[in-house]
Amino acid sequence: MISIDKWTTIRTLYKQGHSKRAISKILGVSRNTVKKALTMEEVPKYKRAPKEDKLLSEYEDFILKMMEQSLIGTRIYKELQKQGYRGSISTVYRFLKANKAKAESQKTTTRFETAPGEQAQFDWSPYKVRINGEEIQVYCFLLILGFSRKKYMTFSKTQTLESVLEALEEGIRAFGGVPKQIVVDNAKQLVLSHPKDDVATYHPKFLELSGTYQFQPYACQTYWPRTKGKVERPFYYIEQHFIKGNDFESFEEFINKSHMFLEEWEKEPNKTTLIPPSIRFEEEQAALMPLPSATYSIHLKETRKVSWDCLISYRGVKYSIPHLFAGQDVWIRPSHGNILEVYDQNSKMICQHTLSYQRGKTVIIEEHYEGVKGSIPKSLPKLREHFVHTFSNGNRYVELLNREVKANHIHRYQKILELSHHYDLIAIEQAIEQAVLFNRIEIDFVGNLLKKSSRKTIELPKGENIPKIRTETRSLNYYSYLLH
């Protein structure tokens, strides 16, 4: 490049009558340089010699990958600072300008196609959806097979680990088989860490799921989202063709219509394969690995103890349970962030609740109390009469309660009468006998005895083995150890 000084001098000397050869000798430049200066009408622009920035050199590949994602300069600068860069933002901008063409050329990639049954890609995206006139946050989960582009789509109100694994398992079972590899993003629900150019560390529960279905988990390369481009592109289509402009009466209707939408979508030819996924899937399904007999979701259930008023608690909200399960352990499992499923100890579902996110609320299904409500009197005289009539030793317990003159014992009668719906009368009468024997009027005393008995007959002291409590000088609490 001719400097502006030489360009000006050459043109001036030539104007003064000097020949090209003479100008070449005077300035010590080649004749071609002289010819170029004379024919170039445009003034040469000054260019600063590129200066290598040693602070930035180790981050060049990192910057190029972010440039490929069309991130703006300030965002790239902030990401560099997180990586330890201590240089100025102007240095970053100079690098971006100088390497813009290089980054654009690297965006061109060769499409990676997989064989039938080899790979699936899984991801999710948030949306705002109008349900019953209210705009709520939902998450769309999408699993797509690489060869056929066959998709499974579902939605949840949450993106917890449990919701993510539930959606992934539903997708695998909907395909009727398992791909050899499933590519995921580096979301914290599935990937605990993934250092650059290193092996990813997966969440233990995600590994449990992959072990159950025997697929290989693969976290896509950090800052390289096109690794799972097949699953990311459809999200825009879902938003534009299904979510926008629609209003749904309920979350259940929203889920059902999404399945209908997907069914029609799968009949359209894919823009890459030019074949509808529903047709190409017929070839891929045969290549999928077989499903295991047991599901993984059973490991996502939590245990709860049903209170004697037939309630359990989940995330600050109480839900009613059929009264036959009062005092027992049950299993619970949230589904799609919308439903709470409740199972007995044999993994049989006993009820469902629509999840509430209003902490402190109590959700009651009246049918859960049928056979309990109305069968127990509410007034104290009627309760006392019913209690004595129900239990052969009920009058002895009434006498024990009557010693507490100032206390209102309605709730004690009610709770013990409710126990008759869950335990044999003989077992309850034996527990009442113990309560009278040790002067214990607490409801928990009777309830704990029944729990320890596992609904079997309680061994009572007989004859001369019965302690003479009323003649002892020791405190009655001394004898409590006999019950442990």
Protein backbone atom coordinates (compact mmCIF):
# COMPACT_ATOMS: atom_id res chain seq x y z
CA MET A 1 0.00 0.00 0.00
CA ILE A 2 1.45 3.45 -1.01
CA SER A 3 1.56 5.92 1.84
CA ILE A 4 -0.22 9.20 1.34
CA ASP A 5 3.14 11.06 1.54
CA LYS A 6 4.71 9.10 -1.32
CA TRP A 7 1.51 9.31 -3.36
CA THR A 8 1.52 13.08 -3.07
CA THR A 9 5.28 13.44 -3.81
CA ILE A 10 5.20 11.20 -6.89
CA ARG A 11 2.28 13.07 -8.41
CA THR A 12 3.92 16.45 -7.63
CA LEU A 13 7.30 15.51 -9.22
CA TYR A 14 5.57 14.17 -12.32
CA LYS A 15 3.59 17.39 -12.60
CA GLN A 16 6.90 19.31 -12.48
CA GLY A 17 8.18 17.42 -15.56
CA HIS A 18 10.23 14.62 -14.06
CA SER A 19 10.09 11.30 -15.84
CA LYS A 20 8.87 8.11 -14.19
CA ARG A 21 12.40 6.68 -14.24
CA ALA A 22 13.81 9.82 -12.58
CA ILE A 23 11.09 9.82 -9.91
CA SER A 24 11.90 6.17 -9.21
CA LYS A 25 15.57 7.02 -8.65
CA ILE A 26 14.84 10.15 -6.58
CA LEU A 27 12.47 8.40 -4.16
CA GLY A 28 14.07 4.94 -4.25
CA VAL A 29 10.88 3.18 -5.27
CA SER A 30 10.07 0.87 -8.14
CA ARG A 31 8.69 2.12 -11.46
CA ASN A 32 5.51 0.10 -10.83
CA THR A 33 4.96 2.06 -7.62
CA VAL A 34 5.33 5.30 -9.55
CA LYS A 35 2.91 4.10 -12.26
CA LYS A 36 0.39 3.00 -9.60
CA ALA A 37 0.53 6.36 -7.83
CA LEU A 38 -0.03 8.21 -11.10
CA THR A 39 -2.98 6.07 -12.16
CA MET A 40 -4.64 5.89 -8.70
CA GLU A 41 -7.00 8.84 -8.38
CA GLU A 42 -8.39 7.83 -4.99
CA VAL A 43 -6.44 9.19 -2.04
CA PRO A 44 -4.77 6.35 -0.05
CA LYS A 45 -6.38 5.78 3.37
CA TYR A 46 -4.25 5.56 6.46
CA LYS A 47 -4.25 2.14 8.11
CA ARG A 48 -2.82 1.42 11.50
CA ALA A 49 -0.62 -1.65 11.59
CA PRO A 50 -2.43 -4.43 13.47
CA LYS A 51 -1.21 -4.79 17.01
CA GLU A 52 -1.39 -8.13 18.71
CA ASP A 53 -3.15 -8.00 22.07
CA LYS A 54 -1.65 -10.68 24.27
CA LEU A 55 -4.48 -10.32 26.81
CA LEU A 56 -7.03 -11.26 24.17
CA SER A 57 -5.13 -13.94 22.25
CA GLU A 58 -6.12 -16.84 24.51
CA TYR A 59 -9.83 -15.98 24.13
CA GLU A 60 -9.97 -15.75 20.33
CA ASP A 61 -11.73 -19.10 19.76
CA PHE A 62 -14.18 -18.29 22.55
CA ILE A 63 -15.01 -14.92 20.94
CA LEU A 64 -15.46 -16.44 17.48
CA LYS A 65 -17.98 -18.97 18.80
CA MET A 66 -19.97 -16.19 20.47
CA MET A 67 -19.82 -14.16 17.26
CA GLU A 68 -21.35 -17.13 15.43
CA GLN A 69 -24.34 -16.82 17.77
CA SER A 70 -24.73 -13.13 16.72
CA LEU A 71 -24.11 -11.86 20.25
CA ILE A 72 -23.49 -8.11 20.52
CA GLY A 73 -20.12 -6.69 21.56
CA THR A 74 -21.13 -5.68 25.10
CA ARG A 75 -22.50 -9.18 25.77
CA ILE A 76 -19.29 -10.76 24.47
CA TYR A 77 -17.23 -8.41 26.63
CA LYS A 78 -19.19 -9.41 29.76
CA GLU A 79 -18.78 -13.11 28.96
CA LEU A 80 -15.04 -12.57 28.51
CA GLN A 81 -14.81 -10.90 31.91
CA LYS A 82 -16.44 -13.98 33.46
CA GLN A 83 -13.71 -16.05 31.81
CA GLY A 84 -11.00 -13.87 33.37
CA TYR A 85 -10.31 -11.29 30.62
CA ARG A 86 -8.93 -8.02 32.06
CA GLY A 87 -8.44 -5.97 28.87
CA SER A 88 -10.52 -3.08 27.56
CA ILE A 89 -13.76 -3.26 25.61
CA SER A 90 -12.22 -1.24 22.74
CA THR A 91 -9.72 -4.07 22.17
CA VAL A 92 -12.63 -6.48 21.94
CA TYR A 93 -14.42 -4.26 19.41
CA ARG A 94 -11.28 -4.08 17.23
CA PHE A 95 -11.07 -7.86 17.24
CA LEU A 96 -14.78 -8.17 16.34
CA LYS A 97 -14.39 -5.80 13.43
CA ALA A 98 -11.27 -7.51 12.10
CA ASN A 99 -12.76 -11.01 12.36
CA LYS A 100 -16.35 -10.37 11.28
CA ALA A 101 -15.83 -12.05 7.89
CA LYS A 102 -14.09 -15.04 9.48
CA ALA A 103 -16.93 -15.58 11.94
CA GLU A 104 -19.52 -15.37 9.16
CA SER A 105 -17.67 -17.97 7.10
CA GLN A 106 -17.54 -20.38 10.06
CA LYS A 107 -21.31 -20.18 10.45
CA THR A 108 -21.58 -22.33 7.34
CA THR A 109 -21.68 -25.90 8.54
CA THR A 110 -22.27 -29.28 6.99
CA ARG A 111 -25.61 -30.75 8.06
CA PHE A 112 -25.09 -33.82 10.21
CA GLU A 113 -27.51 -36.63 9.48
CA THR A 114 -27.85 -39.73 11.63
CA ALA A 115 -28.82 -43.31 10.83
CA PRO A 116 -32.19 -44.70 11.98
CA GLY A 117 -32.35 -45.18 15.75
CA GLU A 118 -28.95 -43.56 16.36
CA GLN A 119 -29.87 -40.24 17.95
CA ALA A 120 -32.61 -38.04 19.37
CA GLN A 121 -32.43 -34.44 20.55
CA PHE A 122 -34.25 -33.03 23.59
CA ASP A 123 -34.85 -29.46 24.67
CA TRP A 124 -37.52 -27.14 26.07
CA SER A 125 -38.59 -23.53 25.76
CA PRO A 126 -40.81 -21.16 27.82
CA TYR A 127 -44.00 -19.59 26.45
CA LYS A 128 -46.82 -17.37 27.65
CA VAL A 129 -50.18 -19.02 26.96
CA ARG A 130 -53.71 -17.74 27.52
CA ILE A 131 -55.69 -20.29 29.53
CA ASN A 132 -59.21 -19.45 30.71
CA GLY A 133 -58.58 -15.78 29.90
CA GLU A 134 -55.39 -15.61 31.98
CA GLU A 135 -51.84 -15.51 30.63
CA ILE A 136 -49.69 -18.14 32.35
CA GLN A 137 -46.12 -19.39 31.96
CA VAL A 138 -45.71 -22.86 30.45
CA TYR A 139 -42.74 -24.88 29.22
CA CYS A 140 -42.78 -26.79 25.94
CA PHE A 141 -40.73 -30.02 26.00
CA LEU A 142 -39.73 -31.46 22.64
CA LEU A 143 -38.00 -34.76 21.81
CA ILE A 144 -37.16 -35.34 18.14
CA LEU A 145 -35.61 -38.36 16.42
CA GLY A 146 -32.66 -37.42 14.18
CA PHE A 147 -33.38 -39.65 11.18
CA SER A 148 -37.15 -39.40 10.76
CA ARG A 149 -37.69 -36.04 12.53
CA LYS A 150 -40.52 -37.76 14.44
CA LYS A 151 -41.44 -35.52 17.39
CA TYR A 152 -43.01 -35.83 20.82
CA MET A 153 -44.27 -32.61 22.37
CA THR A 154 -45.77 -31.91 25.78
CA PHE A 155 -46.13 -28.99 28.19
CA SER A 156 -45.67 -28.39 31.91
CA LYS A 157 -46.24 -25.49 34.28
CA THR A 158 -42.80 -26.09 35.79
CA GLN A 159 -39.29 -26.85 34.54
CA THR A 160 -38.11 -28.71 37.65
CA LEU A 161 -35.86 -31.75 37.35
CA GLU A 162 -38.91 -33.98 37.88
CA SER A 163 -40.86 -32.22 35.09
CA VAL A 164 -37.92 -32.49 32.68
CA LEU A 165 -37.35 -36.21 33.33
CA GLU A 166 -41.09 -36.91 33.16
CA ALA A 167 -41.34 -35.27 29.71
CA LEU A 168 -38.25 -37.07 28.42
CA GLU A 169 -39.53 -40.45 29.58
CA GLU A 170 -42.98 -39.78 28.08
CA GLY A 171 -41.33 -39.01 24.75
CA ILE A 172 -39.23 -42.19 24.73
CA ARG A 173 -42.24 -44.35 25.54
CA ALA A 174 -44.37 -42.53 22.95
CA PHE A 175 -41.83 -43.57 20.28
CA GLY A 176 -42.18 -47.18 21.42
CA GLY A 177 -38.40 -47.57 21.53
CA VAL A 178 -35.13 -46.00 22.68
CA PRO A 179 -32.52 -44.21 20.50
CA LYS A 180 -28.88 -45.07 21.20
CA GLN A 181 -28.00 -41.46 22.08
CA ILE A 182 -29.96 -38.44 23.32
CA VAL A 183 -28.43 -34.98 22.88
CA VAL A 184 -29.35 -32.35 25.48
CA ASP A 185 -28.46 -28.77 26.26
CA ASN A 186 -26.29 -27.83 29.24
CA ALA A 187 -29.30 -26.86 31.39
CA LYS A 188 -28.66 -27.22 35.14
CA GLN A 189 -31.54 -29.70 35.50
CA LEU A 190 -29.55 -32.29 33.52
CA VAL A 191 -25.91 -31.15 33.42
CA LEU A 192 -24.14 -30.13 36.62
CA SER A 193 -21.04 -28.82 34.83
CA HIS A 194 -19.47 -28.88 31.37
CA PRO A 195 -16.06 -27.16 31.16
CA LYS A 196 -14.91 -26.08 27.71
CA ASP A 197 -13.37 -28.97 25.77
CA ASP A 198 -13.97 -31.33 28.70
CA VAL A 199 -16.37 -34.08 29.74
CA ALA A 200 -19.80 -33.09 31.07
CA THR A 201 -20.93 -34.04 34.59
CA TYR A 202 -24.57 -35.14 34.52
CA HIS A 203 -27.20 -34.99 37.25
CA PRO A 204 -27.42 -38.38 39.05
CA LYS A 205 -31.16 -38.69 38.39
CA PHE A 206 -30.62 -38.04 34.68
CA LEU A 207 -28.03 -40.83 34.71
CA GLU A 208 -30.56 -43.08 36.47
CA LEU A 209 -33.04 -42.41 33.66
CA SER A 210 -30.42 -43.06 30.96
CA GLY A 211 -29.39 -46.25 32.77
CA THR A 212 -32.99 -47.44 32.94
CA TYR A 213 -33.46 -46.93 29.19
CA GLN A 214 -29.80 -47.66 28.28
CA PHE A 215 -29.23 -44.64 26.06
CA GLN A 216 -26.05 -42.56 26.00
CA PRO A 217 -26.53 -38.98 27.27
CA TYR A 218 -24.62 -36.37 25.30
CA ALA A 219 -24.41 -32.71 26.34
CA CYS A 220 -23.86 -30.50 23.30
CA GLN A 221 -20.66 -28.50 23.03
CA THR A 222 -20.71 -25.31 25.08
CA TYR A 223 -21.46 -22.18 23.00
CA TRP A 224 -22.25 -24.37 19.98
CA PRO A 225 -26.06 -24.66 19.87
CA ARG A 226 -26.17 -25.99 16.30
CA THR A 227 -25.14 -29.36 17.75
CA LYS A 228 -28.86 -29.79 18.45
CA GLY A 229 -30.28 -27.63 15.68
CA LYS A 230 -32.91 -30.21 14.72
CA VAL A 231 -34.74 -29.68 18.02
CA GLU A 232 -34.27 -25.91 18.35
CA ARG A 233 -35.74 -24.83 14.99
CA PRO A 234 -39.26 -26.26 15.58
CA PHE A 235 -39.88 -24.05 18.65
CA TYR A 236 -40.46 -21.01 16.43
CA TYR A 237 -42.97 -22.99 14.37
CA ILE A 238 -44.81 -24.09 17.54
CA GLU A 239 -45.07 -20.51 18.76
CA GLN A 240 -46.26 -19.09 15.45
CA HIS A 241 -48.67 -21.85 14.40
CA PHE A 242 -50.09 -23.09 17.70
CA ILE A 243 -49.58 -20.80 20.68
CA LYS A 244 -49.99 -17.28 19.29
CA GLY A 245 -53.56 -16.06 18.95
CA ASN A 246 -55.14 -19.05 20.74
CA ASP A 247 -57.04 -19.11 24.04
CA PHE A 248 -57.69 -22.38 25.88
CA GLU A 249 -60.36 -23.13 28.47
CA SER A 250 -58.13 -25.29 30.68
CA PHE A 251 -54.63 -26.69 30.90
CA GLU A 252 -55.99 -30.13 30.02
CA GLU A 253 -57.58 -28.75 26.83
CA PHE A 254 -54.28 -27.04 25.99
CA ILE A 255 -52.39 -30.36 26.30
CA ASN A 256 -54.99 -32.25 24.24
CA LYS A 257 -55.01 -29.68 21.44
CA SER A 258 -51.21 -29.65 21.37
CA HIS A 259 -51.28 -33.40 20.65
CA MET A 260 -53.79 -32.84 17.83
CA PHE A 261 -51.62 -30.03 16.42
CA LEU A 262 -48.53 -32.27 16.50
CA GLU A 263 -50.38 -35.12 14.78
CA GLU A 264 -51.24 -32.86 11.83
CA TRP A 265 -47.78 -31.31 11.78
CA GLU A 266 -46.14 -34.74 11.48
CA LYS A 267 -48.01 -35.29 8.21
CA GLU A 268 -46.26 -32.34 6.54
CA PRO A 269 -43.03 -33.04 4.58
CA ASN A 270 -39.90 -32.07 6.48
CA LYS A 271 -37.96 -29.26 4.76
CA THR A 272 -34.72 -31.26 4.85
CA THR A 273 -35.76 -34.87 4.24
CA LEU A 274 -38.76 -33.84 2.07
CA ILE A 275 -40.66 -36.75 3.65
CA PRO A 276 -43.35 -36.45 6.37
CA PRO A 277 -41.93 -37.58 9.76
CA SER A 278 -44.93 -39.88 10.30
CA ILE A 279 -43.93 -41.86 7.17
CA ARG A 280 -40.16 -41.86 7.72
CA PHE A 281 -40.72 -42.97 11.33
CA GLU A 282 -41.94 -46.35 10.07
CA GLU A 283 -38.38 -47.06 8.95
CA GLU A 284 -36.73 -45.68 12.09
CA GLN A 285 -38.98 -47.32 14.68
CA ALA A 286 -37.66 -50.78 13.83
CA ALA A 287 -34.11 -49.58 14.60
CA LEU A 288 -34.94 -48.29 18.09
CA MET A 289 -33.85 -50.28 21.14
CA PRO A 290 -36.68 -52.03 23.06
CA LEU A 291 -38.34 -50.32 26.02
CA PRO A 292 -37.69 -51.63 29.55
CA SER A 293 -40.67 -53.22 31.30
CA ALA A 294 -40.47 -50.86 34.30
CA THR A 295 -40.75 -47.08 34.10
CA TYR A 296 -38.33 -44.69 35.75
CA SER A 297 -41.01 -42.30 37.03
CA ILE A 298 -41.66 -44.58 40.00
CA HIS A 299 -38.37 -43.32 41.45
CA LEU A 300 -39.65 -39.73 41.37
CA LYS A 301 -42.41 -40.38 43.91
CA GLU A 302 -42.21 -38.93 47.42
CA THR A 303 -43.74 -40.36 50.57
CA ARG A 304 -46.19 -38.52 52.83
CA LYS A 305 -47.99 -39.44 56.06
CA VAL A 306 -51.76 -38.86 55.90
CA SER A 307 -52.95 -36.97 58.99
CA TRP A 308 -55.92 -38.13 61.03
CA ASP A 309 -57.99 -35.39 59.42
CA CYS A 310 -57.17 -37.02 56.05
CA LEU A 311 -54.73 -34.40 54.72
CA ILE A 312 -51.22 -34.39 53.29
CA SER A 313 -48.95 -31.42 52.64
CA TYR A 314 -47.06 -30.63 49.43
CA ARG A 315 -45.10 -27.40 48.94
CA GLY A 316 -47.09 -25.43 51.50
CA VAL A 317 -50.53 -26.62 50.36
CA LYS A 318 -52.70 -29.30 52.03
CA TYR A 319 -54.67 -31.84 49.98
CA SER A 320 -57.39 -34.23 51.13
CA ILE A 321 -56.96 -38.00 50.87
CA PRO A 322 -59.73 -40.68 51.07
CA HIS A 323 -60.43 -41.26 54.77
CA LEU A 324 -59.57 -44.97 54.55
CA PHE A 325 -55.89 -43.95 54.29
CA ALA A 326 -55.80 -41.72 57.39
CA GLY A 327 -52.68 -42.42 59.44
CA GLN A 328 -51.00 -44.32 56.57
CA ASP A 329 -48.05 -43.58 54.31
CA VAL A 330 -48.87 -42.73 50.69
CA TRP A 331 -46.76 -41.90 47.61
CA ILE A 332 -47.18 -38.63 45.72
CA ARG A 333 -45.95 -37.52 42.30
CA PRO A 334 -46.51 -34.16 40.59
CA SER A 335 -47.25 -34.39 36.87
CA HIS A 336 -46.73 -31.62 34.28
CA GLY A 337 -46.69 -29.08 37.10
CA ASN A 338 -50.48 -29.31 37.06
CA ILE A 339 -51.62 -32.55 38.72
CA LEU A 340 -50.67 -34.18 42.04
CA GLU A 341 -51.03 -37.96 41.80
CA VAL A 342 -51.43 -39.96 45.03
CA TYR A 343 -50.68 -43.70 45.27
CA ASP A 344 -51.06 -46.31 48.01
CA GLN A 345 -48.20 -48.54 49.14
CA ASN A 346 -48.98 -50.97 46.31
CA SER A 347 -48.42 -48.17 43.76
CA LYS A 348 -52.14 -48.03 42.93
CA MET A 349 -53.41 -44.50 42.29
CA ILE A 350 -56.01 -43.50 44.88
CA CYS A 351 -56.74 -39.89 43.89
CA GLN A 352 -55.60 -36.83 41.93
CA HIS A 353 -55.58 -33.09 42.71
CA THR A 354 -55.06 -30.06 40.53
CA LEU A 355 -51.94 -28.45 41.98
CA SER A 356 -52.37 -25.15 43.77
CA TYR A 357 -49.53 -22.61 44.05
CA GLN A 358 -51.26 -20.61 46.80
CA ARG A 359 -49.25 -21.41 49.92
CA GLY A 360 -51.33 -22.10 53.03
CA LYS A 361 -54.37 -23.21 51.03
CA THR A 362 -56.27 -26.43 51.82
CA VAL A 363 -57.73 -28.30 48.83
CA ILE A 364 -60.65 -30.55 49.80
CA ILE A 365 -62.54 -33.17 47.76
CA GLU A 366 -65.75 -33.81 49.72
CA GLU A 367 -66.00 -37.43 48.55
CA HIS A 368 -62.85 -38.24 50.52
CA TYR A 369 -64.83 -37.81 53.75
CA GLU A 370 -67.89 -39.84 52.81
CA GLY A 371 -68.63 -42.33 55.59
CA VAL A 372 -66.96 -40.09 58.16
CA LYS A 373 -68.79 -36.81 58.05
CA GLY A 374 -72.30 -36.96 59.51
CA SER A 375 -71.74 -40.35 61.19
CA ILE A 376 -70.19 -38.73 64.29
CA PRO A 377 -72.37 -36.40 66.41
CA LYS A 378 -71.17 -32.83 66.95
CA SER A 379 -72.65 -31.91 70.36
CA LEU A 380 -70.79 -32.98 73.51
CA PRO A 381 -73.67 -34.94 75.14
CA LYS A 382 -74.40 -36.85 71.93
CA LEU A 383 -70.71 -37.47 71.36
CA ARG A 384 -70.26 -38.84 74.88
CA GLU A 385 -73.30 -41.10 74.48
CA HIS A 386 -72.09 -42.34 71.09
CA PHE A 387 -68.61 -42.95 72.49
CA VAL A 388 -69.88 -45.08 75.40
CA HIS A 389 -72.18 -47.00 73.06
CA THR A 390 -69.33 -47.70 70.56
CA PHE A 391 -66.62 -48.89 72.97
CA SER A 392 -67.20 -51.39 75.77
CA ASN A 393 -64.78 -49.51 78.03
CA GLY A 394 -65.83 -46.09 76.73
CA ASN A 395 -67.41 -45.13 80.08
CA ARG A 396 -64.05 -45.56 81.84
CA TYR A 397 -62.38 -43.16 79.39
CA VAL A 398 -65.27 -40.70 79.89
CA GLU A 399 -64.66 -40.82 83.66
CA LEU A 400 -60.96 -40.13 83.03
CA LEU A 401 -61.79 -37.09 80.89
CA ASN A 402 -64.33 -35.80 83.39
CA ARG A 403 -61.54 -35.29 85.92
CA GLU A 404 -60.39 -32.42 83.70
CA VAL A 405 -63.33 -30.20 84.54
CA LYS A 406 -62.28 -27.11 82.59
CA ALA A 407 -61.34 -28.92 79.36
CA ASN A 408 -63.60 -29.35 76.33
CA HIS A 409 -63.11 -32.93 75.14
CA ILE A 410 -65.19 -32.84 71.94
CA HIS A 411 -62.14 -33.23 69.70
CA ARG A 412 -60.85 -36.20 71.75
CA TYR A 413 -64.12 -38.11 71.34
CA GLN A 414 -64.23 -37.24 67.62
CA LYS A 415 -60.68 -38.30 66.87
CA ILE A 416 -60.98 -41.67 68.64
CA LEU A 417 -64.32 -42.33 66.94
CA GLU A 418 -62.71 -41.55 63.54
CA LEU A 419 -60.08 -44.20 64.31
CA SER A 420 -62.84 -46.81 64.13
CA HIS A 421 -62.86 -46.29 60.34
CA HIS A 422 -59.26 -47.51 60.13
CA TYR A 423 -58.71 -49.93 63.05
CA ASP A 424 -60.55 -52.86 64.60
CA LEU A 425 -62.74 -51.97 67.58
CA ILE A 426 -60.87 -54.50 69.72
CA ALA A 427 -57.56 -52.79 69.02
CA ILE A 428 -59.03 -49.36 69.86
CA GLU A 429 -60.59 -50.66 73.07
CA GLN A 430 -57.25 -52.11 74.12
CA ALA A 431 -55.59 -48.76 73.42
CA ILE A 432 -58.30 -47.00 75.48
CA GLU A 433 -57.63 -49.49 78.30
CA GLN A 434 -53.98 -48.47 78.28
CA ALA A 435 -54.90 -44.77 78.29
CA VAL A 436 -57.14 -45.27 81.35
CA LEU A 437 -54.50 -47.41 83.05
CA PHE A 438 -51.83 -44.73 82.73
CA ASN A 439 -54.11 -41.68 83.07
CA ARG A 440 -53.20 -40.50 79.54
CA ILE A 441 -55.91 -38.42 77.87
CA GLU A 442 -53.83 -37.26 74.85
CA ILE A 443 -55.15 -38.33 71.45
CA ASP A 444 -51.61 -39.04 70.24
CA PHE A 445 -51.22 -41.60 73.04
CA VAL A 446 -54.05 -43.73 71.63
CA GLY A 447 -53.01 -43.10 68.01
CA ASN A 448 -49.36 -44.03 68.60
CA LEU A 449 -50.37 -47.26 70.32
CA LEU A 450 -52.43 -48.22 67.29
CA LYS A 451 -49.58 -47.37 64.89
CA LYS A 452 -47.12 -49.52 66.86
CA SER A 453 -49.58 -52.36 66.93
CA SER A 454 -49.69 -52.37 63.08
CA ARG A 455 -53.43 -52.96 63.49
CA LYS A 456 -52.79 -56.09 65.55
CA THR A 457 -53.98 -56.90 69.03
CA ILE A 458 -52.12 -55.03 71.77
CA GLU A 459 -50.75 -57.12 74.63
CA LEU A 460 -52.29 -55.86 77.88
CA PRO A 461 -50.99 -56.61 81.39
CA LYS A 462 -53.28 -59.10 83.14
CA GLY A 463 -54.17 -59.98 86.69
CA GLU A 464 -51.46 -59.47 89.29
CA ASN A 465 -49.09 -58.05 86.65
CA ILE A 466 -51.12 -54.84 86.39
CA PRO A 467 -49.13 -52.06 88.11
CA LYS A 468 -50.89 -50.51 91.14
CA ILE A 469 -50.40 -47.03 89.87
CA ARG A 470 -52.72 -45.23 92.26
CA THR A 471 -50.89 -46.47 95.36
CA GLU A 472 -47.38 -45.67 94.14
CA THR A 473 -45.69 -42.49 95.28
CA ARG A 474 -43.67 -42.15 92.08
CA SER A 475 -44.73 -39.88 89.22
CA LEU A 476 -46.94 -41.47 86.58
CA ASN A 477 -44.39 -40.44 83.94
CA TYR A 478 -42.06 -43.03 85.43
CA TYR A 479 -44.09 -45.84 83.85
CA SER A 480 -44.09 -44.38 80.36
CA TYR A 481 -40.97 -46.40 79.54
CA LEU A 482 -43.15 -49.53 79.51
CA LEU A 483 -44.70 -48.34 76.25
CA HIS A 484 -41.42 -47.93 74.33
